[in-house]
All heavy atoms as atom14 arrays in JSON, in Angstrom:
{
  "sequence": "KEKARRAAEEARRLQEAKYGFRKKLIWLFVGIIAALALFIALYK",
  "atom14_mask": [
    [1, 1, 1, 1, 1, 1, 1, 1, 1, 0, 0, 0, 0, 0],
    [1, 1, 1, 1, 1, 1, 1, 1, 1, 0, 0, 0, 0, 0],
    [1, 1, 1, 1, 1, 1, 1, 1, 1, 0, 0, 0, 0, 0],
    [1, 1, 1, 1, 1, 0, 0, 0, 0, 0, 0, 0, 0, 0],
    [1, 1, 1, 1, 1, 1, 1, 1, 1, 1, 1, 0, 0, 0],
    [1, 1, 1, 1, 1, 1, 1, 1, 1, 1, 1, 0, 0, 0],
    [1, 1, 1, 1, 1, 0, 0, 0, 0, 0, 0, 0, 0, 0],
    [1, 1, 1, 1, 1, 0, 0, 0, 0, 0, 0, 0, 0, 0],
    [1, 1, 1, 1, 1, 1, 1, 1, 1, 0, 0, 0, 0, 0],
    [1, 1, 1, 1, 1, 1, 1, 1, 1, 0, 0, 0, 0, 0],
    [1, 1, 1, 1, 1, 0, 0, 0, 0, 0, 0, 0, 0, 0],
    [1, 1, 1, 1, 1, 1, 1, 1, 1, 1, 1, 0, 0, 0],
    [1, 1, 1, 1, 1, 1, 1, 1, 1, 1, 1, 0, 0, 0],
    [1, 1, 1, 1, 1, 1, 1, 1, 0, 0, 0, 0, 0, 0],
    [1, 1, 1, 1, 1, 1, 1, 1, 1, 0, 0, 0, 0, 0],
    [1, 1, 1, 1, 1, 1, 1, 1, 1, 0, 0, 0, 0, 0],
    [1, 1, 1, 1, 1, 0, 0, 0, 0, 0, 0, 0, 0, 0],
    [1, 1, 1, 1, 1, 1, 1, 1, 1, 0, 0, 0, 0, 0],
    [1, 1, 1, 1, 1, 1, 1, 1, 1, 1, 1, 1, 0, 0],
    [1, 1, 1, 1, 0, 0, 0, 0, 0, 0, 0, 0, 0, 0],
    [1, 1, 1, 1, 1, 1, 1, 1, 1, 1, 1, 0, 0, 0],
    [1, 1, 1, 1, 1, 1, 1, 1, 1, 1, 1, 0, 0, 0],
    [1, 1, 1, 1, 1, 1, 1, 1, 1, 0, 0, 0, 0, 0],
    [1, 1, 1, 1, 1, 1, 1, 1, 1, 0, 0, 0, 0, 0],
    [1, 1, 1, 1, 1, 1, 1, 1, 0, 0, 0, 0, 0, 0],
    [1, 1, 1, 1, 1, 1, 1, 1, 0, 0, 0, 0, 0, 0],
    [1, 1, 1, 1, 1, 1, 1, 1, 1, 1, 1, 1, 1, 1],
    [1, 1, 1, 1, 1, 1, 1, 1, 0, 0, 0, 0, 0, 0],
    [1, 1, 1, 1, 1, 1, 1, 1, 1, 1, 1, 0, 0, 0],
    [1, 1, 1, 1, 1, 1, 1, 0, 0, 0, 0, 0, 0, 0],
    [1, 1, 1, 1, 0, 0, 0, 0, 0, 0, 0, 0, 0, 0],
    [1, 1, 1, 1, 1, 1, 1, 1, 0, 0, 0, 0, 0, 0],
    [1, 1, 1, 1, 1, 1, 1, 1, 0, 0, 0, 0, 0, 0],
    [1, 1, 1, 1, 1, 0, 0, 0, 0, 0, 0, 0, 0, 0],
    [1, 1, 1, 1, 1, 0, 0, 0, 0, 0, 0, 0, 0, 0],
    [1, 1, 1, 1, 1, 1, 1, 1, 0, 0, 0, 0, 0, 0],
    [1, 1, 1, 1, 1, 0, 0, 0, 0, 0, 0, 0, 0, 0],
    [1, 1, 1, 1, 1, 1, 1, 1, 0, 0, 0, 0, 0, 0],
    [1, 1, 1, 1, 1, 1, 1, 1, 1, 1, 1, 0, 0, 0],
    [1, 1, 1, 1, 1, 1, 1, 1, 0, 0, 0, 0, 0, 0],
    [1, 1, 1, 1, 1, 0, 0, 0, 0, 0, 0, 0, 0, 0],
    [1, 1, 1, 1, 1, 1, 1, 1, 0, 0, 0, 0, 0, 0],
    [1, 1, 1, 1, 1, 1, 1, 1, 1, 1, 1, 1, 0, 0],
    [1, 1, 1, 1, 1, 1, 1, 1, 1, 0, 0, 0, 0, 0]
  ],
  "atom14_positions": [
    [[14.3, -24.99, -20.24], [13.35, -25.02, -19.1], [13.56, -23.82, -18.14], [12.61, -23.2, -17.74], [13.46, -26.39, -18.33], [12.91, -27.51, -19.06], [12.9, -28.77, -18.18], [12.46, -30.0, -18.96], [12.52, -31.26, -18.13], [0.0, 0.0, 0.0], [0.0, 0.0, 0.0], [0.0, 0.0, 0.0], [0.0, 0.0, 0.0], [0.0, 0.0, 0.0]],
    [[14.84, -23.55, -17.88], [15.18, -22.44, -17.04], [14.77, -21.18, -17.63], [14.18, -20.21, -16.99], [16.62, -22.43, -16.78], [17.03, -21.36, -15.78], [16.48, -21.44, -14.4], [16.1, -22.51, -14.02], [16.43, -20.43, -13.69], [0.0, 0.0, 0.0], [0.0, 0.0, 0.0], [0.0, 0.0, 0.0], [0.0, 0.0, 0.0], [0.0, 0.0, 0.0]],
    [[14.9, -21.05, -19.01], [14.48, -19.84, -19.73], [13.0, -19.72, -19.64], [12.47, -18.54, -19.46], [15.0, -19.89, -21.18], [14.84, -18.69, -21.98], [15.35, -18.86, -23.42], [15.06, -17.63, -24.16], [15.6, -17.68, -25.64], [0.0, 0.0, 0.0], [0.0, 0.0, 0.0], [0.0, 0.0, 0.0], [0.0, 0.0, 0.0], [0.0, 0.0, 0.0]],
    [[12.22, -20.82, -19.91], [10.78, -20.74, -19.87], [10.34, -20.4, -18.43], [9.34, -19.6, -18.27], [10.23, -22.11, -20.25], [0.0, 0.0, 0.0], [0.0, 0.0, 0.0], [0.0, 0.0, 0.0], [0.0, 0.0, 0.0], [0.0, 0.0, 0.0], [0.0, 0.0, 0.0], [0.0, 0.0, 0.0], [0.0, 0.0, 0.0], [0.0, 0.0, 0.0]],
    [[10.98, -20.83, -17.42], [10.55, -20.58, -16.05], [10.76, -19.07, -15.72], [9.92, -18.44, -15.1], [11.37, -21.47, -15.01], [10.93, -21.29, -13.59], [11.89, -22.0, -12.62], [13.17, -21.29, -12.69], [13.45, -20.27, -11.97], [12.5, -19.66, -11.29], [14.7, -19.64, -12.02], [0.0, 0.0, 0.0], [0.0, 0.0, 0.0], [0.0, 0.0, 0.0]],
    [[11.91, -18.55, -16.18], [12.2, -17.11, -16.0], [11.12, -16.29, -16.7], [10.7, -15.27, -16.19], [13.57, -16.76, -16.41], [14.7, -17.41, -15.55], [16.03, -17.03, -16.03], [17.06, -17.63, -15.13], [18.41, -17.44, -15.46], [18.72, -16.8, -16.45], [19.28, -18.0, -14.57], [0.0, 0.0, 0.0], [0.0, 0.0, 0.0], [0.0, 0.0, 0.0]],
    [[10.79, -16.73, -17.93], [9.83, -15.92, -18.76], [8.49, -15.94, -18.0], [7.73, -14.97, -17.96], [9.64, -16.53, -20.17], [0.0, 0.0, 0.0], [0.0, 0.0, 0.0], [0.0, 0.0, 0.0], [0.0, 0.0, 0.0], [0.0, 0.0, 0.0], [0.0, 0.0, 0.0], [0.0, 0.0, 0.0], [0.0, 0.0, 0.0], [0.0, 0.0, 0.0]],
    [[8.01, -17.12, -17.5], [6.81, -17.2, -16.76], [6.82, -16.34, -15.46], [5.79, -15.69, -15.22], [6.47, -18.64, -16.4], [0.0, 0.0, 0.0], [0.0, 0.0, 0.0], [0.0, 0.0, 0.0], [0.0, 0.0, 0.0], [0.0, 0.0, 0.0], [0.0, 0.0, 0.0], [0.0, 0.0, 0.0], [0.0, 0.0, 0.0], [0.0, 0.0, 0.0]],
    [[7.98, -16.28, -14.81], [8.11, -15.47, -13.58], [7.99, -14.02, -13.91], [7.33, -13.32, -13.18], [9.39, -15.82, -12.92], [9.63, -15.09, -11.59], [8.78, -15.58, -10.48], [8.17, -16.79, -10.69], [8.51, -14.81, -9.49], [0.0, 0.0, 0.0], [0.0, 0.0, 0.0], [0.0, 0.0, 0.0], [0.0, 0.0, 0.0], [0.0, 0.0, 0.0]],
    [[8.59, -13.6, -15.11], [8.58, -12.25, -15.48], [7.14, -11.83, -15.81], [6.71, -10.67, -15.46], [9.53, -12.04, -16.62], [9.6, -10.57, -17.14], [10.25, -9.7, -16.08], [10.95, -10.18, -15.17], [10.11, -8.45, -16.19], [0.0, 0.0, 0.0], [0.0, 0.0, 0.0], [0.0, 0.0, 0.0], [0.0, 0.0, 0.0], [0.0, 0.0, 0.0]],
    [[6.41, -12.69, -16.53], [5.07, -12.43, -16.97], [4.12, -12.3, -15.75], [3.28, -11.38, -15.59], [4.45, -13.53, -17.85], [0.0, 0.0, 0.0], [0.0, 0.0, 0.0], [0.0, 0.0, 0.0], [0.0, 0.0, 0.0], [0.0, 0.0, 0.0], [0.0, 0.0, 0.0], [0.0, 0.0, 0.0], [0.0, 0.0, 0.0], [0.0, 0.0, 0.0]],
    [[4.37, -13.16, -14.68], [3.55, -13.05, -13.4], [3.85, -11.8, -12.77], [2.93, -11.09, -12.2], [3.93, -14.24, -12.55], [2.97, -14.31, -11.3], [3.49, -15.51, -10.41], [4.87, -15.3, -9.97], [5.18, -14.6, -8.96], [4.34, -13.84, -8.32], [6.46, -14.53, -8.6], [0.0, 0.0, 0.0], [0.0, 0.0, 0.0], [0.0, 0.0, 0.0]],
    [[5.16, -11.34, -12.64], [5.5, -10.11, -12.02], [4.91, -9.0, -12.71], [4.35, -8.06, -12.04], [6.97, -10.0, -12.03], [7.46, -8.81, -11.11], [8.9, -8.68, -11.19], [9.42, -8.43, -12.56], [9.42, -7.25, -13.12], [9.03, -6.15, -12.48], [9.82, -7.05, -14.39], [0.0, 0.0, 0.0], [0.0, 0.0, 0.0], [0.0, 0.0, 0.0]],
    [[4.84, -8.88, -14.04], [4.24, -7.82, -14.79], [2.76, -7.82, -14.51], [2.13, -6.75, -14.47], [4.57, -7.96, -16.28], [6.04, -7.78, -16.64], [6.15, -8.0, -18.15], [6.46, -6.34, -16.36], [0.0, 0.0, 0.0], [0.0, 0.0, 0.0], [0.0, 0.0, 0.0], [0.0, 0.0, 0.0], [0.0, 0.0, 0.0], [0.0, 0.0, 0.0]],
    [[2.13, -8.96, -14.45], [0.64, -9.04, -14.28], [0.32, -8.52, -12.88], [-0.67, -7.76, -12.72], [0.22, -10.56, -14.33], [-1.29, -10.67, -14.48], [-1.9, -10.31, -15.77], [-1.06, -9.98, -16.73], [-3.2, -10.32, -15.92], [0.0, 0.0, 0.0], [0.0, 0.0, 0.0], [0.0, 0.0, 0.0], [0.0, 0.0, 0.0], [0.0, 0.0, 0.0]],
    [[1.15, -8.85, -11.84], [0.83, -8.34, -10.47], [1.08, -6.91, -10.52], [0.3, -6.09, -9.76], [1.82, -9.02, -9.53], [1.43, -10.57, -9.32], [2.46, -11.06, -8.33], [3.37, -10.44, -7.91], [2.25, -12.32, -7.98], [0.0, 0.0, 0.0], [0.0, 0.0, 0.0], [0.0, 0.0, 0.0], [0.0, 0.0, 0.0], [0.0, 0.0, 0.0]],
    [[2.08, -6.37, -11.16], [2.27, -4.89, -11.21], [1.07, -4.17, -11.81], [0.73, -3.13, -11.44], [3.58, -4.6, -11.9], [0.0, 0.0, 0.0], [0.0, 0.0, 0.0], [0.0, 0.0, 0.0], [0.0, 0.0, 0.0], [0.0, 0.0, 0.0], [0.0, 0.0, 0.0], [0.0, 0.0, 0.0], [0.0, 0.0, 0.0], [0.0, 0.0, 0.0]],
    [[0.59, -4.8, -12.96], [-0.59, -4.21, -13.68], [-1.79, -4.11, -12.79], [-2.42, -3.08, -12.69], [-0.83, -5.05, -14.87], [-1.97, -4.47, -15.74], [-2.16, -5.43, -16.99], [-3.33, -4.91, -17.78], [-3.63, -5.78, -18.9], [0.0, 0.0, 0.0], [0.0, 0.0, 0.0], [0.0, 0.0, 0.0], [0.0, 0.0, 0.0], [0.0, 0.0, 0.0]],
    [[-2.1, -5.27, -12.11], [-3.34, -5.25, -11.22], [-3.09, -4.33, -9.93], [-4.04, -3.82, -9.48], [-3.63, -6.63, -10.87], [-4.42, -7.45, -11.92], [-3.69, -8.45, -12.69], [-5.68, -7.15, -12.22], [-4.4, -9.13, -13.62], [-6.38, -7.83, -13.25], [-5.74, -8.78, -14.0], [-6.38, -9.44, -14.92], [0.0, 0.0, 0.0], [0.0, 0.0, 0.0]],
    [[-1.76, -4.32, -9.47], [-1.51, -3.47, -8.38], [-1.77, -1.97, -8.72], [-2.3, -1.23, -7.95], [0.0, 0.0, 0.0], [0.0, 0.0, 0.0], [0.0, 0.0, 0.0], [0.0, 0.0, 0.0], [0.0, 0.0, 0.0], [0.0, 0.0, 0.0], [0.0, 0.0, 0.0], [0.0, 0.0, 0.0], [0.0, 0.0, 0.0], [0.0, 0.0, 0.0]],
    [[-1.43, -1.62, -9.96], [-1.65, -0.27, -10.35], [-3.22, 0.06, -10.52], [-3.69, 1.08, -10.08], [-0.98, 0.03, -11.69], [-1.25, 1.33, -12.29], [-0.62, 2.5, -11.76], [-2.15, 1.53, -13.34], [-0.92, 3.75, -12.31], [-2.44, 2.72, -13.94], [-1.8, 3.86, -13.41], [0.0, 0.0, 0.0], [0.0, 0.0, 0.0], [0.0, 0.0, 0.0]],
    [[-3.86, -0.87, -10.99], [-5.37, -0.72, -11.03], [-5.97, -0.6, -9.7], [-6.84, 0.23, -9.49], [-5.98, -1.81, -11.82], [-5.74, -1.93, -13.29], [-6.47, -3.1, -13.91], [-6.27, -3.1, -15.39], [-6.74, -4.05, -16.17], [-7.52, -5.0, -15.7], [-6.45, -4.03, -17.51], [0.0, 0.0, 0.0], [0.0, 0.0, 0.0], [0.0, 0.0, 0.0]],
    [[-5.5, -1.43, -8.75], [-5.99, -1.3, -7.4], [-5.74, 0.02, -6.77], [-6.57, 0.68, -6.14], [-5.39, -2.38, -6.56], [-6.03, -2.62, -5.16], [-5.4, -3.77, -4.39], [-5.59, -5.07, -5.05], [-5.11, -6.2, -4.28], [0.0, 0.0, 0.0], [0.0, 0.0, 0.0], [0.0, 0.0, 0.0], [0.0, 0.0, 0.0], [0.0, 0.0, 0.0]],
    [[-4.55, 0.47, -7.0], [-4.22, 1.85, -6.51], [-5.1, 2.9, -7.08], [-5.62, 3.81, -6.37], [-2.77, 2.14, -6.64], [-1.79, 1.28, -5.87], [-0.39, 1.61, -6.19], [0.62, 0.73, -5.4], [1.98, 1.06, -5.69], [0.0, 0.0, 0.0], [0.0, 0.0, 0.0], [0.0, 0.0, 0.0], [0.0, 0.0, 0.0], [0.0, 0.0, 0.0]],
    [[-5.41, 2.84, -8.41], [-6.18, 3.79, -9.11], [-7.62, 3.74, -8.51], [-8.24, 4.77, -8.4], [-6.15, 3.47, -10.58], [-6.85, 4.52, -11.45], [-6.16, 5.84, -11.36], [-6.81, 4.03, -12.98], [0.0, 0.0, 0.0], [0.0, 0.0, 0.0], [0.0, 0.0, 0.0], [0.0, 0.0, 0.0], [0.0, 0.0, 0.0], [0.0, 0.0, 0.0]],
    [[-8.16, 2.53, -8.19], [-9.5, 2.35, -7.7], [-9.57, 3.07, -6.4], [-10.53, 3.81, -6.05], [-9.94, 0.93, -7.68], [-10.11, 0.4, -9.1], [-11.26, 0.8, -6.89], [-10.35, -1.02, -9.08], [0.0, 0.0, 0.0], [0.0, 0.0, 0.0], [0.0, 0.0, 0.0], [0.0, 0.0, 0.0], [0.0, 0.0, 0.0], [0.0, 0.0, 0.0]],
    [[-8.62, 2.82, -5.52], [-8.67, 3.37, -4.16], [-8.59, 4.92, -4.27], [-9.18, 5.68, -3.45], [-7.45, 2.85, -3.37], [-7.82, 1.51, -2.66], [-7.3, 0.33, -3.03], [-8.76, 1.22, -1.7], [-7.82, -0.69, -2.3], [-8.76, -0.19, -1.37], [-9.6, 2.1, -0.99], [-9.5, -0.71, -0.48], [-10.47, 1.47, -0.01], [-10.44, 0.08, 0.24]],
    [[-7.7, 5.4, -5.24], [-7.67, 6.88, -5.32], [-8.95, 7.43, -5.8], [-9.36, 8.54, -5.28], [-6.5, 7.13, -6.36], [-6.34, 8.68, -6.7], [-5.88, 9.41, -5.48], [-5.31, 8.83, -7.87], [0.0, 0.0, 0.0], [0.0, 0.0, 0.0], [0.0, 0.0, 0.0], [0.0, 0.0, 0.0], [0.0, 0.0, 0.0], [0.0, 0.0, 0.0]],
    [[-9.68, 6.75, -6.7], [-11.03, 7.27, -7.14], [-11.94, 7.29, -6.03], [-12.71, 8.24, -5.83], [-11.49, 6.32, -8.3], [-12.7, 6.82, -8.9], [-12.83, 7.97, -9.65], [-13.95, 6.1, -8.63], [-14.03, 8.32, -10.23], [-15.09, 6.48, -9.12], [-15.15, 7.6, -9.94], [0.0, 0.0, 0.0], [0.0, 0.0, 0.0], [0.0, 0.0, 0.0]],
    [[-11.93, 6.22, -5.18], [-12.89, 6.19, -4.05], [-12.54, 7.27, -3.07], [-13.44, 7.92, -2.47], [-12.77, 4.84, -3.34], [-13.58, 4.75, -2.07], [-13.31, 3.72, -4.31], [0.0, 0.0, 0.0], [0.0, 0.0, 0.0], [0.0, 0.0, 0.0], [0.0, 0.0, 0.0], [0.0, 0.0, 0.0], [0.0, 0.0, 0.0], [0.0, 0.0, 0.0]],
    [[-11.25, 7.49, -2.85], [-10.9, 8.57, -1.86], [-11.37, 9.98, -2.35], [-11.79, 10.8, -1.58], [0.0, 0.0, 0.0], [0.0, 0.0, 0.0], [0.0, 0.0, 0.0], [0.0, 0.0, 0.0], [0.0, 0.0, 0.0], [0.0, 0.0, 0.0], [0.0, 0.0, 0.0], [0.0, 0.0, 0.0], [0.0, 0.0, 0.0], [0.0, 0.0, 0.0]],
    [[-11.18, 10.21, -3.72], [-11.66, 11.48, -4.3], [-13.16, 11.67, -4.08], [-13.66, 12.74, -3.73], [-11.3, 11.56, -5.86], [-9.79, 11.62, -5.89], [-11.91, 12.73, -6.41], [-9.26, 11.63, -7.39], [0.0, 0.0, 0.0], [0.0, 0.0, 0.0], [0.0, 0.0, 0.0], [0.0, 0.0, 0.0], [0.0, 0.0, 0.0], [0.0, 0.0, 0.0]],
    [[-13.95, 10.61, -4.35], [-15.33, 10.66, -4.18], [-15.79, 10.97, -2.69], [-16.66, 11.76, -2.35], [-16.05, 9.36, -4.63], [-15.87, 9.26, -6.21], [-17.55, 9.38, -4.29], [-16.45, 8.03, -6.73], [0.0, 0.0, 0.0], [0.0, 0.0, 0.0], [0.0, 0.0, 0.0], [0.0, 0.0, 0.0], [0.0, 0.0, 0.0], [0.0, 0.0, 0.0]],
    [[-15.06, 10.31, -1.76], [-15.38, 10.46, -0.37], [-15.07, 11.91, 0.07], [-15.78, 12.53, 0.76], [-14.58, 9.53, 0.48], [0.0, 0.0, 0.0], [0.0, 0.0, 0.0], [0.0, 0.0, 0.0], [0.0, 0.0, 0.0], [0.0, 0.0, 0.0], [0.0, 0.0, 0.0], [0.0, 0.0, 0.0], [0.0, 0.0, 0.0], [0.0, 0.0, 0.0]],
    [[-13.87, 12.41, -0.45], [-13.47, 13.8, -0.11], [-14.56, 14.85, -0.65], [-14.94, 15.79, 0.01], [-12.14, 14.09, -0.62], [0.0, 0.0, 0.0], [0.0, 0.0, 0.0], [0.0, 0.0, 0.0], [0.0, 0.0, 0.0], [0.0, 0.0, 0.0], [0.0, 0.0, 0.0], [0.0, 0.0, 0.0], [0.0, 0.0, 0.0], [0.0, 0.0, 0.0]],
    [[-14.98, 14.59, -1.9], [-15.98, 15.41, -2.5], [-17.31, 15.45, -1.73], [-17.95, 16.45, -1.56], [-16.17, 14.96, -3.97], [-17.25, 15.86, -4.75], [-16.66, 17.27, -4.77], [-17.43, 15.25, -6.21], [0.0, 0.0, 0.0], [0.0, 0.0, 0.0], [0.0, 0.0, 0.0], [0.0, 0.0, 0.0], [0.0, 0.0, 0.0], [0.0, 0.0, 0.0]],
    [[-17.71, 14.19, -1.25], [-18.96, 14.15, -0.54], [-18.81, 14.89, 0.89], [-19.72, 15.56, 1.21], [-19.32, 12.68, -0.26], [0.0, 0.0, 0.0], [0.0, 0.0, 0.0], [0.0, 0.0, 0.0], [0.0, 0.0, 0.0], [0.0, 0.0, 0.0], [0.0, 0.0, 0.0], [0.0, 0.0, 0.0], [0.0, 0.0, 0.0], [0.0, 0.0, 0.0]],
    [[-17.74, 14.75, 1.53], [-17.43, 15.45, 2.7], [-17.5, 16.91, 2.53], [-17.99, 17.71, 3.33], [-16.05, 14.97, 3.32], [-15.72, 15.6, 4.67], [-16.76, 15.32, 5.78], [-14.32, 15.16, 5.14], [0.0, 0.0, 0.0], [0.0, 0.0, 0.0], [0.0, 0.0, 0.0], [0.0, 0.0, 0.0], [0.0, 0.0, 0.0], [0.0, 0.0, 0.0]],
    [[-16.85, 17.47, 1.38], [-16.77, 18.76, 1.14], [-18.21, 19.37, 0.9], [-18.57, 20.49, 1.42], [-15.96, 19.09, -0.11], [-15.95, 20.54, -0.57], [-15.28, 21.54, 0.1], [-16.7, 20.9, -1.72], [-15.38, 22.85, -0.36], [-16.82, 22.16, -2.11], [-16.06, 23.18, -1.52], [0.0, 0.0, 0.0], [0.0, 0.0, 0.0], [0.0, 0.0, 0.0]],
    [[-19.05, 18.7, 0.19], [-20.42, 19.1, -0.08], [-21.27, 19.18, 1.24], [-21.96, 20.13, 1.53], [-21.17, 18.21, -1.02], [-20.45, 18.27, -2.45], [-22.6, 18.5, -1.17], [-20.93, 17.32, -3.44], [0.0, 0.0, 0.0], [0.0, 0.0, 0.0], [0.0, 0.0, 0.0], [0.0, 0.0, 0.0], [0.0, 0.0, 0.0], [0.0, 0.0, 0.0]],
    [[-21.01, 18.13, 2.15], [-21.72, 18.13, 3.41], [-21.32, 19.35, 4.3], [-22.12, 20.07, 4.91], [-21.51, 16.86, 4.17], [0.0, 0.0, 0.0], [0.0, 0.0, 0.0], [0.0, 0.0, 0.0], [0.0, 0.0, 0.0], [0.0, 0.0, 0.0], [0.0, 0.0, 0.0], [0.0, 0.0, 0.0], [0.0, 0.0, 0.0], [0.0, 0.0, 0.0]],
    [[-19.96, 19.63, 4.27], [-19.51, 20.84, 5.17], [-19.93, 22.1, 4.52], [-20.3, 23.1, 5.25], [-18.0, 20.75, 5.21], [-17.39, 19.55, 6.09], [-15.89, 19.55, 5.94], [-17.85, 19.57, 7.4], [0.0, 0.0, 0.0], [0.0, 0.0, 0.0], [0.0, 0.0, 0.0], [0.0, 0.0, 0.0], [0.0, 0.0, 0.0], [0.0, 0.0, 0.0]],
    [[-20.02, 22.2, 3.22], [-20.46, 23.34, 2.53], [-21.89, 23.65, 2.91], [-22.3, 24.8, 3.19], [-20.28, 23.18, 1.07], [-20.76, 24.46, 0.26], [-19.85, 25.55, 0.13], [-21.94, 24.48, -0.38], [-20.24, 26.68, -0.56], [-22.4, 25.58, -1.12], [-21.49, 26.71, -1.18], [-21.88, 27.74, -1.94], [0.0, 0.0, 0.0], [0.0, 0.0, 0.0]],
    [[-22.74, 22.61, 2.85], [-24.22, 22.86, 3.21], [-24.28, 23.23, 4.71], [-25.27, 23.97, 4.97], [-25.01, 21.56, 2.88], [-25.21, 21.3, 1.39], [-26.07, 20.14, 1.12], [-26.29, 19.92, -0.34], [-27.26, 18.76, -0.53], [0.0, 0.0, 0.0], [0.0, 0.0, 0.0], [0.0, 0.0, 0.0], [0.0, 0.0, 0.0], [0.0, 0.0, 0.0]]
  ]
}
């Protein structure tokens, strides 16, 4: 039971790390788009 509990805890930690990386990637993409829009406005 202890082994199964540790395995479940490790799987949950890996899942959180995976979704955390995706969230960071999305925010990075949004930041790039916002910076590009700001650059175009200043250029015009």
